C-alpha cells in the first residue's frame, strides 16, 4: 500500500486509456465512443476498472516482477479479451445508425437527396403512400417487416 501512495493515478489512468484504445483498435474496434457490444464497456470503463482493482487491492504489484504499468496493462488487455469472448458479445447484432448507401437493387433516393425537389405534403400524409415508403424501407429486414406488418394489420399504434 505504501507504493500506491507514490503513484500518480491520473497519469496512470491516461496511459491505461491510451493502451486500451490501442487494444480496441487491435481487435477492430475503432472510434471515440466505442464499446464492446453485449457487455457495454467502453475504453474508459476498462481502464478505470483495472485502476479500481489495483487501488482496492485485488491486483497486487510486486516491484521484483516488473513495472506497475505492465501489470495493469496486461490485466486490462486480458479483461478486454475476456469481454470479447463472452457469449453476450458474440450473439449481439450491431447495426449502424448511419444511413446505408443505395445498393444496386435500384432503391429510389429519398426526397432530401434529390436537388430542387419540392415536398408534396398531402402525398406524404397519404396513408397508402406512407405504407409504400415503409415497406420499401424494410425491404432487407424480414424480421422487422413482420413486426411492422402485425402492428399495421392490428392497428396498434403503441405496443
Protein backbone atom coordinates (compact mmCIF):
# COMPACT_ATOMS: atom_id res chain seq x y z
CA UNK A 1 0.00 0.00 0.00
CA UNK A 2 2.89 2.38 0.65
CA UNK A 3 3.85 2.07 -3.00
CA UNK A 4 0.35 3.18 -4.09
CA UNK A 5 0.91 6.47 -2.27
CA UNK A 6 3.70 7.39 -4.74
CA UNK A 7 1.72 6.56 -7.88
CA UNK A 8 0.12 9.37 -9.91
CA UNK A 9 -3.24 7.73 -10.62
CA UNK A 10 -4.26 10.46 -13.08
CA UNK A 11 -1.23 9.85 -15.28
CA UNK A 12 -1.65 6.11 -14.92
CA UNK A 13 -5.30 6.41 -15.97
CA UNK A 14 -4.30 8.36 -19.11
CA UNK A 15 -1.67 5.79 -20.04
CA UNK A 16 -4.09 2.91 -19.46
CA UNK A 17 -6.78 4.63 -21.51
CA UNK A 18 -4.33 5.07 -24.40
CA UNK A 19 -3.31 1.42 -24.09
CA UNK A 20 -6.97 0.35 -24.06
CA UNK A 21 -7.65 2.44 -27.19
CA UNK A 22 -4.77 0.71 -28.96
CA UNK A 23 -6.02 -2.69 -27.77
CA UNK A 24 -9.52 -1.90 -29.03
CA UNK A 25 -8.00 -0.95 -32.41
CA UNK A 26 -6.07 -4.24 -32.47
CA UNK A 27 -9.41 -6.04 -32.34
CA UNK A 28 -11.06 -3.82 -34.95
CA UNK A 29 -12.99 -1.64 -32.51
CA UNK A 30 -12.40 1.93 -33.59
CA UNK A 31 -13.99 5.23 -32.71
CA UNK A 32 -14.11 7.58 -29.76
CA UNK A 33 -17.31 6.22 -28.20
CA UNK A 34 -16.70 2.56 -28.98
CA UNK A 35 -17.99 -0.01 -26.52
CA UNK A 36 -17.83 -3.80 -26.56
CA UNK A 37 -21.23 -4.97 -27.76
CA UNK A 38 -23.17 -7.16 -25.37
CA UNK A 39 -21.00 -6.04 -22.48
CA UNK A 40 -21.42 -2.30 -22.83
CA UNK A 41 -17.97 -1.38 -21.53
CA UNK A 42 -16.05 1.46 -23.16
CA UNK A 43 -12.34 2.15 -23.29
CA UNK A 44 -12.52 4.32 -20.18
CA UNK A 45 -14.60 1.71 -18.33
CA UNK A 46 -11.91 -0.92 -18.81
CA UNK A 47 -9.14 1.46 -17.73
CA UNK A 48 -10.97 2.58 -14.59
CA UNK A 49 -11.97 -0.98 -13.69
CA UNK A 50 -8.32 -2.05 -13.70
CA UNK A 51 -7.33 1.00 -11.65
CA UNK A 52 -10.13 0.25 -9.20
CA UNK A 53 -8.88 -3.34 -8.83
CA UNK A 54 -5.36 -2.05 -8.17
CA UNK A 55 -6.40 0.59 -5.63
CA UNK A 56 -8.80 -1.88 -3.97
CA UNK A 57 -6.02 -4.42 -3.52
CA UNK A 58 -7.38 -7.02 -5.91
CA UNK A 59 -4.34 -6.55 -8.16
CA UNK A 60 -1.08 -6.54 -6.26
CA UNK A 61 2.15 -5.24 -7.73
CA UNK A 62 5.50 -6.68 -6.73
CA UNK A 63 8.37 -4.47 -7.85
CA UNK A 64 10.58 -7.53 -8.37
CA UNK A 65 8.18 -8.84 -11.04
CA UNK A 66 8.25 -5.76 -13.28
CA UNK A 67 6.77 -2.36 -13.88
CA UNK A 68 3.36 -1.40 -12.44
CA UNK A 69 2.10 -0.24 -15.82
CA UNK A 70 2.99 -3.60 -17.38
CA UNK A 71 0.95 -5.42 -14.73
CA UNK A 72 -2.07 -3.15 -15.18
CA UNK A 73 -1.82 -3.13 -18.98
CA UNK A 74 -1.74 -6.94 -19.04
CA UNK A 75 -4.78 -7.10 -16.76
CA UNK A 76 -6.54 -4.52 -18.95
CA UNK A 77 -5.82 -6.44 -22.16
CA UNK A 78 -7.00 -9.69 -20.57
CA UNK A 79 -10.24 -8.01 -19.44
CA UNK A 80 -10.89 -6.75 -22.97
CA UNK A 81 -10.19 -10.17 -24.48
CA UNK A 82 -12.43 -11.87 -21.91
CA UNK A 83 -15.28 -9.47 -22.69
CA UNK A 84 -14.89 -10.12 -26.43
CA UNK A 85 -15.19 -13.86 -25.77
CA UNK A 86 -18.36 -13.57 -23.69
CA UNK A 87 -21.50 -15.07 -25.17
CA UNK A 88 -23.35 -11.77 -24.79
CA UNK A 89 -20.85 -10.09 -27.11
CA UNK A 90 -20.82 -12.92 -29.62
CA UNK A 91 -24.59 -13.03 -30.01
CA UNK A 92 -25.43 -9.32 -30.13
CA UNK A 93 -26.10 -7.85 -33.52
CA UNK A 94 -24.71 -4.39 -34.11
CA UNK A 95 -26.46 -2.12 -36.57
CA UNK A 96 -25.12 1.17 -37.69
CA UNK A 97 -27.23 4.23 -37.10
CA UNK A 98 -25.81 5.74 -40.28
CA UNK A 99 -27.85 5.71 -43.45
CA UNK A 100 -26.95 2.98 -45.87
CA UNK A 101 -25.81 3.85 -49.36
CA UNK A 102 -28.21 2.74 -52.05
CA UNK A 103 -27.26 -0.64 -53.37
CA UNK A 104 -27.59 -1.97 -56.90
CA UNK A 105 -31.23 -3.06 -56.39
CA UNK A 106 -32.40 0.31 -57.67
CA UNK A 107 -33.83 1.73 -54.47
CA UNK A 108 -35.17 5.20 -55.19
CA UNK A 109 -33.37 8.08 -53.48
CA UNK A 110 -35.12 9.85 -50.64
CA UNK A 111 -36.68 13.29 -51.18
CA UNK A 112 -33.87 15.12 -49.43
CA UNK A 113 -31.32 13.51 -51.77
CA UNK A 114 -32.90 14.97 -54.89
CA UNK A 115 -31.81 18.53 -55.64
CA UNK A 116 -34.59 21.04 -56.23
CA UNK A 117 -37.38 18.67 -55.20
CA UNK A 118 -40.43 20.20 -53.64
CA UNK A 119 -42.16 18.17 -50.97
CA UNK A 120 -45.76 17.22 -51.68
CA UNK A 121 -47.20 17.32 -48.14
CA UNK A 122 -50.60 15.76 -48.98
CA UNK A 123 -48.81 12.85 -50.67
CA UNK A 124 -46.53 12.44 -47.64
CA UNK A 125 -49.52 12.31 -45.34
CA UNK A 126 -51.48 9.90 -47.55
CA UNK A 127 -51.67 6.59 -45.70
CA UNK A 128 -51.20 4.43 -48.78
CA UNK A 129 -48.06 6.32 -49.81
CA UNK A 130 -46.82 6.07 -46.23
CA UNK A 131 -47.24 2.29 -46.26
CA UNK A 132 -45.41 2.03 -49.59
CA UNK A 133 -42.47 4.06 -48.25
CA UNK A 134 -42.49 1.99 -45.07
CA UNK A 135 -42.37 -1.34 -46.93
CA UNK A 136 -39.62 -0.02 -49.21
CA UNK A 137 -37.53 0.94 -46.20
CA UNK A 138 -37.96 -2.57 -44.72
CA UNK A 139 -37.02 -4.43 -47.91
CA UNK A 140 -33.88 -6.04 -46.45
CA UNK A 141 -35.28 -6.58 -42.95
CA UNK A 142 -37.69 -9.56 -42.98
CA UNK A 143 -37.95 -9.90 -39.18
CA UNK A 144 -38.61 -6.21 -38.66
CA UNK A 145 -41.06 -6.20 -41.59
CA UNK A 146 -43.06 -8.98 -39.89
CA UNK A 147 -43.32 -6.96 -36.66
CA UNK A 148 -44.44 -3.88 -38.59
CA UNK A 149 -46.97 -5.96 -40.55
CA UNK A 150 -48.53 -7.20 -37.29
CA UNK A 151 -48.67 -3.65 -35.89
CA UNK A 152 -50.29 -2.26 -39.04
CA UNK A 153 -52.71 -5.18 -39.52
CA UNK A 154 -53.89 -4.96 -35.89
CA UNK A 155 -53.88 -1.15 -35.97
CA UNK A 156 -51.68 -0.92 -32.85
CA UNK A 157 -50.03 2.49 -32.80
CA UNK A 158 -48.40 1.60 -29.46
CA UNK A 159 -47.37 -1.77 -28.09
